[in-house]
C-alpha atoms as a PDB file:
ATOM      1  CA  MET A   1      -9.929   6.435  14.281  1.00  0.00           C
ATOM      2  CA  THR A   2     -10.154   2.889  13.026  1.00  0.00           C
ATOM      3  CA  ALA A   3      -8.480   1.103  10.176  1.00  0.00           C
ATOM      4  CA  ARG A   4      -9.014  -2.359   8.810  1.00  0.00           C
ATOM      5  CA  VAL A   5      -6.283  -4.394   7.130  1.00  0.00           C
ATOM      6  CA  GLU A   6      -7.324  -7.318   4.948  1.00  0.00           C
ATOM      7  CA  THR A   7      -4.717  -9.608   3.439  1.00  0.00           C
ATOM      8  CA  ARG A   8      -4.893 -12.275   0.780  1.00  0.00           C
ATOM      9  CA  ALA A   9      -2.051 -14.463  -0.431  1.00  0.00           C
ATOM     10  CA  GLU A  10      -2.296 -15.739  -3.996  1.00  0.00           C
ATOM     11  CA  ASP A  11       0.331 -17.341  -6.256  1.00  0.00           C
ATOM     12  CA  GLY A  12       3.315 -15.765  -4.496  1.00  0.00           C
ATOM     13  CA  ALA A  13       1.640 -12.375  -4.206  1.00  0.00           C
ATOM     14  CA  MET A  14       0.397 -10.701  -1.052  1.00  0.00           C
ATOM     15  CA  HIS A  15      -2.551  -8.373  -1.557  1.00  0.00           C
ATOM     16  CA  ILE A  16      -3.094  -5.945   1.312  1.00  0.00           C
ATOM     17  CA  ALA A  17      -6.201  -3.751   1.423  1.00  0.00           C
ATOM     18  CA  VAL A  18      -6.407  -1.003   4.010  1.00  0.00           C
ATOM     19  CA  SER A  19      -9.686   0.771   4.714  1.00  0.00           C
ATOM     20  CA  GLY A  20     -10.898   3.353   7.196  1.00  0.00           C
ATOM     21  CA  GLU A  21      -8.528   5.904   8.681  1.00  0.00           C
ATOM     22  CA  ILE A  22      -4.856   5.736   9.659  1.00  0.00           C
ATOM     23  CA  ASP A  23      -3.402   8.172  12.158  1.00  0.00           C
ATOM     24  CA  LEU A  24      -0.815   8.170  14.934  1.00  0.00           C
ATOM     25  CA  ALA A  25      -3.225   6.409  17.320  1.00  0.00           C
ATOM     26  CA  ASN A  26      -3.592   3.259  15.185  1.00  0.00           C
ATOM     27  CA  ALA A  27      -0.552   3.347  12.875  1.00  0.00           C
ATOM     28  CA  ALA A  28       1.451   0.855  14.964  1.00  0.00           C
ATOM     29  CA  ALA A  29      -1.387  -1.706  14.845  1.00  0.00           C
ATOM     30  CA  VAL A  30      -1.776  -1.256  11.070  1.00  0.00           C
ATOM     31  CA  GLU A  31       1.969  -1.641  10.546  1.00  0.00           C
ATOM     32  CA  ASP A  32       2.013  -4.789  12.709  1.00  0.00           C
ATOM     33  CA  GLN A  33      -0.759  -6.349  10.595  1.00  0.00           C
ATOM     34  CA  ILE A  34       1.090  -5.517   7.383  1.00  0.00           C
ATOM     35  CA  ARG A  35       4.345  -6.888   8.806  1.00  0.00           C
ATOM     36  CA  GLU A  36       2.553 -10.132   9.725  1.00  0.00           C
ATOM     37  CA  ALA A  37       1.274 -10.466   6.140  1.00  0.00           C
ATOM     38  CA  LEU A  38       4.840 -10.102   4.862  1.00  0.00           C
ATOM     39  CA  SER A  39       6.076 -12.946   7.058  1.00  0.00           C
ATOM     40  CA  HIS A  40       4.812 -15.299   4.318  1.00  0.00           C
ATOM     41  CA  SER A  41       7.718 -14.163   2.072  1.00  0.00           C
ATOM     42  CA  PRO A  42       5.720 -12.984  -0.970  1.00  0.00           C
ATOM     43  CA  GLU A  43       7.306 -12.330  -4.360  1.00  0.00           C
ATOM     44  CA  THR A  44       5.112  -9.278  -4.929  1.00  0.00           C
ATOM     45  CA  VAL A  45       3.178  -6.991  -2.617  1.00  0.00           C
ATOM     46  CA  SER A  46       0.246  -4.807  -3.579  1.00  0.00           C
ATOM     47  CA  VAL A  47      -1.261  -2.294  -1.179  1.00  0.00           C
ATOM     48  CA  ASP A  48      -4.754  -1.116  -2.042  1.00  0.00           C
ATOM     49  CA  LEU A  49      -5.819   2.106  -0.336  1.00  0.00           C
ATOM     50  CA  THR A  50      -9.038   2.461  -2.338  1.00  0.00           C
ATOM     51  CA  ASP A  51     -11.232   2.399   0.773  1.00  0.00           C
ATOM     52  CA  LEU A  52      -8.903   4.451   2.955  1.00  0.00           C
ATOM     53  CA  THR A  53     -10.667   7.683   3.869  1.00  0.00           C
ATOM     54  CA  TYR A  54      -7.895   9.393   5.846  1.00  0.00           C
ATOM     55  CA  MET A  55      -4.137   9.021   6.304  1.00  0.00           C
ATOM     56  CA  ASP A  56      -1.849  11.338   8.201  1.00  0.00           C
ATOM     57  CA  SER A  57       1.941  11.356   8.206  1.00  0.00           C
ATOM     58  CA  ALA A  58       2.036   8.211  10.386  1.00  0.00           C
ATOM     59  CA  GLY A  59       0.324   6.300   7.573  1.00  0.00           C
ATOM     60  CA  ILE A  60       2.670   7.718   4.980  1.00  0.00           C
ATOM     61  CA  ARG A  61       5.596   6.630   7.150  1.00  0.00           C
ATOM     62  CA  ILE A  62       4.203   3.064   7.059  1.00  0.00           C
ATOM     63  CA  LEU A  63       4.340   3.089   3.244  1.00  0.00           C
ATOM     64  CA  PHE A  64       7.912   4.400   3.119  1.00  0.00           C
ATOM     65  CA  THR A  65       9.032   1.915   5.786  1.00  0.00           C
ATOM     66  CA  LEU A  66       7.388  -0.938   3.906  1.00  0.00           C
ATOM     67  CA  ALA A  67       9.070   0.093   0.664  1.00  0.00           C
ATOM     68  CA  SER A  68      12.427   0.392   2.419  1.00  0.00           C
ATOM     69  CA  ARG A  69      12.104  -3.185   3.662  1.00  0.00           C
ATOM     70  CA  LEU A  70      10.923  -4.677   0.368  1.00  0.00           C
ATOM     71  CA  LYS A  71      13.193  -2.917  -2.117  1.00  0.00           C
ATOM     72  CA  PRO A  72      16.477  -4.586  -1.032  1.00  0.00           C
ATOM     73  CA  LEU A  73      14.719  -7.962  -1.226  1.00  0.00           C
ATOM     74  CA  ARG A  74      13.716  -7.178  -4.829  1.00  0.00           C
ATOM     75  CA  ILE A  75      10.055  -7.687  -4.017  1.00  0.00           C
ATOM     76  CA  MET A  76       7.854  -5.888  -6.515  1.00  0.00           C
ATOM     77  CA  GLN A  77       5.555  -3.346  -4.885  1.00  0.00           C
ATOM     78  CA  LYS A  78       2.353  -1.774  -6.134  1.00  0.00           C
ATOM     79  CA  LEU A  79       0.369   0.977  -4.441  1.00  0.00           C
ATOM     80  CA  SER A  80      -3.131   1.860  -5.622  1.00  0.00           C
ATOM     81  CA  TRP A  81      -5.893   4.141  -4.465  1.00  0.00           C
ATOM     82  CA  HIS A  82      -9.048   5.859  -5.660  1.00  0.00           C
ATOM     83  CA  SER A  83      -9.311   9.614  -5.822  1.00  0.00           C
ATOM     84  CA  THR A  84     -12.623  11.441  -6.042  1.00  0.00           C
ATOM     85  CA  ARG A  85     -10.764  14.586  -7.033  1.00  0.00           C
ATOM     86  CA  PRO A  86      -9.154  14.541 -10.483  1.00  0.00           C
ATOM     87  CA  PRO A  87      -5.637  15.929 -10.742  1.00  0.00           C
ATOM     88  CA  ALA A  88      -5.190  19.581 -11.619  1.00  0.00           C
ATOM     89  CA  ASP A  89      -4.193  18.745 -15.192  1.00  0.00           C
ATOM     90  CA  SER A  90      -6.095  15.578 -16.057  1.00  0.00           C
ATOM     91  CA  SER A  91      -5.414  16.089 -19.776  1.00  0.00           C
ATOM     92  CA  SER A  92      -1.996  14.515 -19.299  1.00  0.00           C
ATOM     93  CA  TYR A  93      -3.528  11.157 -18.326  1.00  0.00           C
ATOM     94  CA  PRO A  94      -4.803   8.878 -21.104  1.00  0.00           C
ATOM     95  CA  ASP A  95      -7.314   7.072 -18.886  1.00  0.00           C
ATOM     96  CA  SER A  96      -8.457   6.699 -15.286  1.00  0.00           C
ATOM     97  CA  ASN A  97      -5.498   4.464 -14.356  1.00  0.00           C
ATOM     98  CA  HIS A  98      -2.739   6.962 -13.844  1.00  0.00           C
ATOM     99  CA  SER A  99      -0.066   8.197 -11.504  1.00  0.00           C
ATOM    100  CA  LEU A 100      -1.740  10.851  -9.411  1.00  0.00           C
ATOM    101  CA  ARG A 101       0.506  13.743  -8.551  1.00  0.00           C
ATOM    102  CA  SER A 102      -1.706  15.629  -6.069  1.00  0.00           C
ATOM    103  CA  ASN A 103       1.333  16.034  -3.798  1.00  0.00           C
ATOM    104  CA  PRO A 104       4.358  16.088  -6.100  1.00  0.00           C
ATOM    105  CA  LYS A 105       6.928  16.143  -3.279  1.00  0.00           C
ATOM    106  CA  ALA A 106       5.560  12.977  -1.652  1.00  0.00           C
ATOM    107  CA  ASN A 107       4.521  11.150  -4.814  1.00  0.00           C
ATOM    108  CA  ASP A 108       7.829  11.796  -6.586  1.00  0.00           C
ATOM    109  CA  ARG A 109       9.552   9.956  -3.754  1.00  0.00           C
ATOM    110  CA  LEU A 110       7.307   6.870  -3.912  1.00  0.00           C
ATOM    111  CA  PRO A 111       8.770   5.493  -7.180  1.00  0.00           C
ATOM    112  CA  ALA A 112      12.260   6.177  -5.819  1.00  0.00           C
ATOM    113  CA  HIS A 113      11.378   3.858  -2.941  1.00  0.00           C
ATOM    114  CA  GLY A 114      10.290   1.107  -5.330  1.00  0.00           C
ATOM    115  CA  TRP A 115       6.523   1.728  -5.458  1.00  0.00           C
ATOM    116  CA  ARG A 116       4.614   1.423  -8.711  1.00  0.00           C
ATOM    117  CA  VAL A 117       1.931   4.053  -8.131  1.00  0.00           C
ATOM    118  CA  ARG A 118      -1.509   3.791  -9.729  1.00  0.00           C
ATOM    119  CA  ALA A 119      -4.625   5.737  -8.949  1.00  0.00           C
ATOM    120  CA  GLY A 120      -8.101   5.858 -10.370  1.00  0.00           C
ATOM    121  CA  HIS A 121     -10.547   8.667 -10.029  1.00  0.00           C
ATOM    122  CA  GLY A 122     -14.239   8.853 -10.380  1.00  0.00           C
END
């Protein structure tokens, strides 16, 4: 599997876009690229998974590890992705920018780790 990490620094913010697929085989390389982007000491970090087509538990571990490193530094974090499958009860969301709870156990932990979670669906 292959993943691509694109980073862009702008006005104290680091924007990280991950596309492709993350699994155990490439998770270390993806994490290294994200860690390198954070060496610029950003004030905020946004991770865009819109073009990510697959992520196993190794990819999820990257997100939790990243949040664990940023939270004590008081660096604002934002995680966003695009879902082609609307949530089971989409009536509770006023528009397409919402917190997606497709996996309540995992997603309930993300805000506790400092992530602001936003998803769109289409």
